[in-house]
Amino acid sequence: MLFRDGVHLSFDIDVLAPSLVPGTGTPEPNGFTLDEGKFTIEKLLKERFVTSMDFVELILH
């Protein structure tokens, strides 16, 4: 698959275990560990079609 203009990756931190990110809006029981989240992001970035990204859904108390 070829992406000529690249793609934007939006990483919703709700996917992480709530014990790791207590400030998430929608806790996901049995969510990713930090290692799983890091692996996923690194794998996508290595493909070199990601041109921008953000992290969303952090609620600071």
PDB file of N, CA and C in Angstrom:
ATOM      1  N   MET A   1       0.847  -1.176   0.000  1.00  0.00           N
ATOM      2  CA  MET A   1       0.000   0.000   0.000  1.00  0.00           C
ATOM      3  C   MET A   1       0.891   1.238   0.000  1.00  0.00           C
ATOM      4  N   LEU A   2       0.604   2.186  -0.832  1.00  0.00           N
ATOM      5  CA  LEU A   2       1.408   3.387  -0.957  1.00  0.00           C
ATOM      6  C   LEU A   2       0.605   4.609  -0.502  1.00  0.00           C
ATOM      7  N   PHE A   3       1.195   5.353   0.420  1.00  0.00           N
ATOM      8  CA  PHE A   3       0.589   6.597   0.889  1.00  0.00           C
ATOM      9  C   PHE A   3       1.485   7.734   0.428  1.00  0.00           C
ATOM     10  N   ARG A   4       1.122   8.407  -0.617  1.00  0.00           N
ATOM     11  CA  ARG A   4       1.967   9.458  -1.177  1.00  0.00           C
ATOM     12  C   ARG A   4       2.121  10.654  -0.245  1.00  0.00           C
ATOM     13  N   ASP A   5       1.062  11.012   0.458  1.00  0.00           N
ATOM     14  CA  ASP A   5       1.112  12.184   1.324  1.00  0.00           C
ATOM     15  C   ASP A   5       1.311  11.830   2.790  1.00  0.00           C
ATOM     16  N   GLY A   6       1.406  10.556   3.112  1.00  0.00           N
ATOM     17  CA  GLY A   6       1.545  10.145   4.500  1.00  0.00           C
ATOM     18  C   GLY A   6       0.213  10.098   5.221  1.00  0.00           C
ATOM     19  N   VAL A   7       0.251   9.652   6.454  1.00  0.00           N
ATOM     20  CA  VAL A   7      -0.957   9.558   7.267  1.00  0.00           C
ATOM     21  C   VAL A   7      -0.698  10.161   8.642  1.00  0.00           C
ATOM     22  N   HIS A   8      -1.770  10.565   9.294  1.00  0.00           N
ATOM     23  CA  HIS A   8      -1.718  11.081  10.662  1.00  0.00           C
ATOM     24  C   HIS A   8      -2.116   9.951  11.596  1.00  0.00           C
ATOM     25  N   LEU A   9      -1.318   9.704  12.626  1.00  0.00           N
ATOM     26  CA  LEU A   9      -1.607   8.682  13.629  1.00  0.00           C
ATOM     27  C   LEU A   9      -2.094   9.361  14.893  1.00  0.00           C
ATOM     28  N   SER A  10      -3.291   9.027  15.314  1.00  0.00           N
ATOM     29  CA  SER A  10      -3.842   9.554  16.554  1.00  0.00           C
ATOM     30  C   SER A  10      -3.891   8.410  17.558  1.00  0.00           C
ATOM     31  N   PHE A  11      -3.090   8.499  18.610  1.00  0.00           N
ATOM     32  CA  PHE A  11      -2.986   7.442  19.617  1.00  0.00           C
ATOM     33  C   PHE A  11      -3.848   7.826  20.813  1.00  0.00           C
ATOM     34  N   ASP A  12      -4.938   7.122  20.989  1.00  0.00           N
ATOM     35  CA  ASP A  12      -5.859   7.380  22.098  1.00  0.00           C
ATOM     36  C   ASP A  12      -5.344   6.621  23.315  1.00  0.00           C
ATOM     37  N   ILE A  13      -4.968   7.350  24.369  1.00  0.00           N
ATOM     38  CA  ILE A  13      -4.367   6.678  25.519  1.00  0.00           C
ATOM     39  C   ILE A  13      -5.347   5.809  26.294  1.00  0.00           C
ATOM     40  N   ASP A  14      -6.619   5.832  25.922  1.00  0.00           N
ATOM     41  CA  ASP A  14      -7.585   4.917  26.546  1.00  0.00           C
ATOM     42  C   ASP A  14      -7.187   3.462  26.344  1.00  0.00           C
ATOM     43  N   VAL A  15      -6.366   3.187  25.330  1.00  0.00           N
ATOM     44  CA  VAL A  15      -5.961   1.813  25.046  1.00  0.00           C
ATOM     45  C   VAL A  15      -4.998   1.280  26.113  1.00  0.00           C
ATOM     46  N   LEU A  16      -4.368   2.173  26.874  1.00  0.00           N
ATOM     47  CA  LEU A  16      -3.446   1.742  27.919  1.00  0.00           C
ATOM     48  C   LEU A  16      -4.197   1.326  29.181  1.00  0.00           C
ATOM     49  N   ALA A  17      -3.578   0.462  29.956  1.00  0.00           N
ATOM     50  CA  ALA A  17      -4.182   0.003  31.210  1.00  0.00           C
ATOM     51  C   ALA A  17      -4.437   1.202  32.126  1.00  0.00           C
ATOM     52  N   PRO A  18      -5.596   1.264  32.773  1.00  0.00           N
ATOM     53  CA  PRO A  18      -5.929   2.415  33.621  1.00  0.00           C
ATOM     54  C   PRO A  18      -4.959   2.600  34.795  1.00  0.00           C
ATOM     55  N   SER A  19      -4.292   1.543  35.214  1.00  0.00           N
ATOM     56  CA  SER A  19      -3.313   1.684  36.293  1.00  0.00           C
ATOM     57  C   SER A  19      -2.102   2.508  35.830  1.00  0.00           C
ATOM     58  N   LEU A  20      -1.875   2.554  34.515  1.00  0.00           N
ATOM     59  CA  LEU A  20      -0.768   3.322  33.954  1.00  0.00           C
ATOM     60  C   LEU A  20      -1.163   4.751  33.635  1.00  0.00           C
ATOM     61  N   VAL A  21      -2.435   4.952  33.279  1.00  0.00           N
ATOM     62  CA  VAL A  21      -2.917   6.272  32.874  1.00  0.00           C
ATOM     63  C   VAL A  21      -4.229   6.556  33.605  1.00  0.00           C
ATOM     64  N   PRO A  22      -4.129   6.924  34.876  1.00  0.00           N
ATOM     65  CA  PRO A  22      -5.367   7.162  35.629  1.00  0.00           C
ATOM     66  C   PRO A  22      -6.172   8.357  35.128  1.00  0.00           C
ATOM     67  N   GLY A  23      -5.569   9.211  34.306  1.00  0.00           N
ATOM     68  CA  GLY A  23      -6.259  10.394  33.796  1.00  0.00           C
ATOM     69  C   GLY A  23      -6.977  10.157  32.484  1.00  0.00           C
ATOM     70  N   THR A  24      -7.285   8.915  32.164  1.00  0.00           N
ATOM     71  CA  THR A  24      -7.980   8.638  30.922  1.00  0.00           C
ATOM     72  C   THR A  24      -9.485   8.814  31.102  1.00  0.00           C
ATOM     73  N   GLY A  25     -10.140   9.233  30.041  1.00  0.00           N
ATOM     74  CA  GLY A  25     -11.584   9.456  30.105  1.00  0.00           C
ATOM     75  C   GLY A  25     -12.385   8.173  30.104  1.00  0.00           C
ATOM     76  N   THR A  26     -11.886   7.143  29.449  1.00  0.00           N
ATOM     77  CA  THR A  26     -12.592   5.865  29.334  1.00  0.00           C
ATOM     78  C   THR A  26     -11.624   4.729  29.635  1.00  0.00           C
ATOM     79  N   PRO A  27     -11.514   4.326  30.907  1.00  0.00           N
ATOM     80  CA  PRO A  27     -10.574   3.259  31.263  1.00  0.00           C
ATOM     81  C   PRO A  27     -10.872   1.962  30.509  1.00  0.00           C
ATOM     82  N   GLU A  28      -9.826   1.306  30.057  1.00  0.00           N
ATOM     83  CA  GLU A  28      -9.935   0.049  29.313  1.00  0.00           C
ATOM     84  C   GLU A  28      -9.334  -1.073  30.153  1.00  0.00           C
ATOM     85  N   PRO A  29     -10.195  -1.885  30.820  1.00  0.00           N
ATOM     86  CA  PRO A  29      -9.666  -3.000  31.615  1.00  0.00           C
ATOM     87  C   PRO A  29      -8.786  -3.893  30.732  1.00  0.00           C
ATOM     88  N   ASN A  30      -7.684  -4.359  31.284  1.00  0.00           N
ATOM     89  CA  ASN A  30      -6.733  -5.212  30.554  1.00  0.00           C
ATOM     90  C   ASN A  30      -6.172  -4.519  29.323  1.00  0.00           C
ATOM     91  N   GLY A  31      -5.992  -3.207  29.393  1.00  0.00           N
ATOM     92  CA  GLY A  31      -5.427  -2.456  28.268  1.00  0.00           C
ATOM     93  C   GLY A  31      -3.959  -2.776  28.058  1.00  0.00           C
ATOM     94  N   PHE A  32      -3.366  -2.145  27.047  1.00  0.00           N
ATOM     95  CA  PHE A  32      -1.957  -2.346  26.733  1.00  0.00           C
ATOM     96  C   PHE A  32      -1.060  -1.990  27.917  1.00  0.00           C
ATOM     97  N   THR A  33       0.052  -2.690  28.039  1.00  0.00           N
ATOM     98  CA  THR A  33       1.116  -2.273  28.941  1.00  0.00           C
ATOM     99  C   THR A  33       1.893  -1.168  28.228  1.00  0.00           C
ATOM    100  N   LEU A  34       2.797  -0.503  28.939  1.00  0.00           N
ATOM    101  CA  LEU A  34       3.619   0.512  28.284  1.00  0.00           C
ATOM    102  C   LEU A  34       4.465  -0.103  27.172  1.00  0.00           C
ATOM    103  N   ASP A  35       4.988  -1.297  27.411  1.00  0.00           N
ATOM    104  CA  ASP A  35       5.799  -1.965  26.385  1.00  0.00           C
ATOM    105  C   ASP A  35       4.971  -2.271  25.133  1.00  0.00           C
ATOM    106  N   GLU A  36       3.736  -2.708  25.315  1.00  0.00           N
ATOM    107  CA  GLU A  36       2.874  -3.002  24.160  1.00  0.00           C
ATOM    108  C   GLU A  36       2.527  -1.729  23.390  1.00  0.00           C
ATOM    109  N   GLY A  37       2.240  -0.656  24.123  1.00  0.00           N
ATOM    110  CA  GLY A  37       1.943   0.619  23.469  1.00  0.00           C
ATOM    111  C   GLY A  37       3.147   1.141  22.707  1.00  0.00           C
ATOM    112  N   LYS A  38       4.319   1.078  23.336  1.00  0.00           N
ATOM    113  CA  LYS A  38       5.557   1.533  22.694  1.00  0.00           C
ATOM    114  C   LYS A  38       5.859   0.694  21.457  1.00  0.00           C
ATOM    115  N   PHE A  39       5.711  -0.618  21.558  1.00  0.00           N
ATOM    116  CA  PHE A  39       5.960  -1.504  20.419  1.00  0.00           C
ATOM    117  C   PHE A  39       5.052  -1.153  19.246  1.00  0.00           C
ATOM    118  N   THR A  40       3.778  -0.927  19.531  1.00  0.00           N
ATOM    119  CA  THR A  40       2.809  -0.605  18.481  1.00  0.00           C
ATOM    120  C   THR A  40       3.175   0.688  17.771  1.00  0.00           C
ATOM    121  N   ILE A  41       3.493   1.721  18.532  1.00  0.00           N
ATOM    122  CA  ILE A  41       3.859   3.008  17.938  1.00  0.00           C
ATOM    123  C   ILE A  41       5.151   2.889  17.134  1.00  0.00           C
ATOM    124  N   GLU A  42       6.157   2.226  17.710  1.00  0.00           N
ATOM    125  CA  GLU A  42       7.433   2.070  17.006  1.00  0.00           C
ATOM    126  C   GLU A  42       7.257   1.299  15.698  1.00  0.00           C
ATOM    127  N   LYS A  43       6.452   0.263  15.724  1.00  0.00           N
ATOM    128  CA  LYS A  43       6.212  -0.543  14.514  1.00  0.00           C
ATOM    129  C   LYS A  43       5.578   0.319  13.420  1.00  0.00           C
ATOM    130  N   LEU A  44       4.587   1.111  13.781  1.00  0.00           N
ATOM    131  CA  LEU A  44       3.935   1.983  12.795  1.00  0.00           C
ATOM    132  C   LEU A  44       4.888   3.052  12.267  1.00  0.00           C
ATOM    133  N   LEU A  45       5.713   3.625  13.146  1.00  0.00           N
ATOM    134  CA  LEU A  45       6.635   4.671  12.706  1.00  0.00           C
ATOM    135  C   LEU A  45       7.731   4.119  11.806  1.00  0.00           C
ATOM    136  N   LYS A  46       8.124   2.883  12.006  1.00  0.00           N
ATOM    137  CA  LYS A  46       9.160   2.276  11.166  1.00  0.00           C
ATOM    138  C   LYS A  46       8.705   2.113   9.720  1.00  0.00           C
ATOM    139  N   GLU A  47       7.404   2.058   9.501  1.00  0.00           N
ATOM    140  CA  GLU A  47       6.883   1.925   8.140  1.00  0.00           C
ATOM    141  C   GLU A  47       7.072   3.204   7.342  1.00  0.00           C
ATOM    142  N   ARG A  48       7.359   4.309   8.007  1.00  0.00           N
ATOM    143  CA  ARG A  48       7.705   5.591   7.398  1.00  0.00           C
ATOM    144  C   ARG A  48       6.594   6.266   6.596  1.00  0.00           C
ATOM    145  N   PHE A  49       5.357   5.841   6.783  1.00  0.00           N
ATOM    146  CA  PHE A  49       4.279   6.582   6.117  1.00  0.00           C
ATOM    147  C   PHE A  49       3.540   7.487   7.088  1.00  0.00           C
ATOM    148  N   VAL A  50       3.896   7.434   8.387  1.00  0.00           N
ATOM    149  CA  VAL A  50       3.304   8.335   9.383  1.00  0.00           C
ATOM    150  C   VAL A  50       4.039   9.667   9.303  1.00  0.00           C
ATOM    151  N   THR A  51       3.309  10.726   9.022  1.00  0.00           N
ATOM    152  CA  THR A  51       3.923  12.048   8.899  1.00  0.00           C
ATOM    153  C   THR A  51       3.634  12.949  10.090  1.00  0.00           C
ATOM    154  N   SER A  52       2.631  12.583  10.895  1.00  0.00           N
ATOM    155  CA  SER A  52       2.317  13.344  12.099  1.00  0.00           C
ATOM    156  C   SER A  52       1.535  12.439  13.045  1.00  0.00           C
ATOM    157  N   MET A  53       1.561  12.802  14.318  1.00  0.00           N
ATOM    158  CA  MET A  53       0.789  12.012  15.282  1.00  0.00           C
ATOM    159  C   MET A  53       0.468  12.859  16.498  1.00  0.00           C
ATOM    160  N   ASP A  54      -0.537  12.399  17.245  1.00  0.00           N
ATOM    161  CA  ASP A  54      -0.874  13.040  18.508  1.00  0.00           C
ATOM    162  C   ASP A  54      -1.345  11.985  19.497  1.00  0.00           C
ATOM    163  N   PHE A  55      -1.371  12.390  20.752  1.00  0.00           N
ATOM    164  CA  PHE A  55      -1.881  11.543  21.827  1.00  0.00           C
ATOM    165  C   PHE A  55      -3.113  12.236  22.379  1.00  0.00           C
ATOM    166  N   VAL A  56      -4.209  11.513  22.488  1.00  0.00           N
ATOM    167  CA  VAL A  56      -5.466  12.134  22.896  1.00  0.00           C
ATOM    168  C   VAL A  56      -6.105  11.432  24.082  1.00  0.00           C
ATOM    169  N   GLU A  57      -7.052  12.140  24.700  1.00  0.00           N
ATOM    170  CA  GLU A  57      -7.911  11.653  25.774  1.00  0.00           C
ATOM    171  C   GLU A  57      -7.296  11.700  27.165  1.00  0.00           C
ATOM    172  N   LEU A  58      -6.266  12.522  27.387  1.00  0.00           N
ATOM    173  CA  LEU A  58      -5.703  12.669  28.718  1.00  0.00           C
ATOM    174  C   LEU A  58      -6.486  13.730  29.470  1.00  0.00           C
ATOM    175  N   ILE A  59      -6.980  13.373  30.644  1.00  0.00           N
ATOM    176  CA  ILE A  59      -7.730  14.319  31.475  1.00  0.00           C
ATOM    177  C   ILE A  59      -6.904  14.577  32.736  1.00  0.00           C
ATOM    178  N   LEU A  60      -6.432  15.777  32.894  1.00  0.00           N
ATOM    179  CA  LEU A  60      -5.651  16.137  34.072  1.00  0.00           C
ATOM    180  C   LEU A  60      -6.582  16.614  35.175  1.00  0.00           C
ATOM    181  N   HIS A  61      -6.383  16.087  36.333  1.00  0.00           N
ATOM    182  CA  HIS A  61      -7.250  16.467  37.475  1.00  0.00           C
ATOM    183  C   HIS A  61      -6.562  17.490  38.325  1.00  0.00           C
TER     184      HIS A  61
END
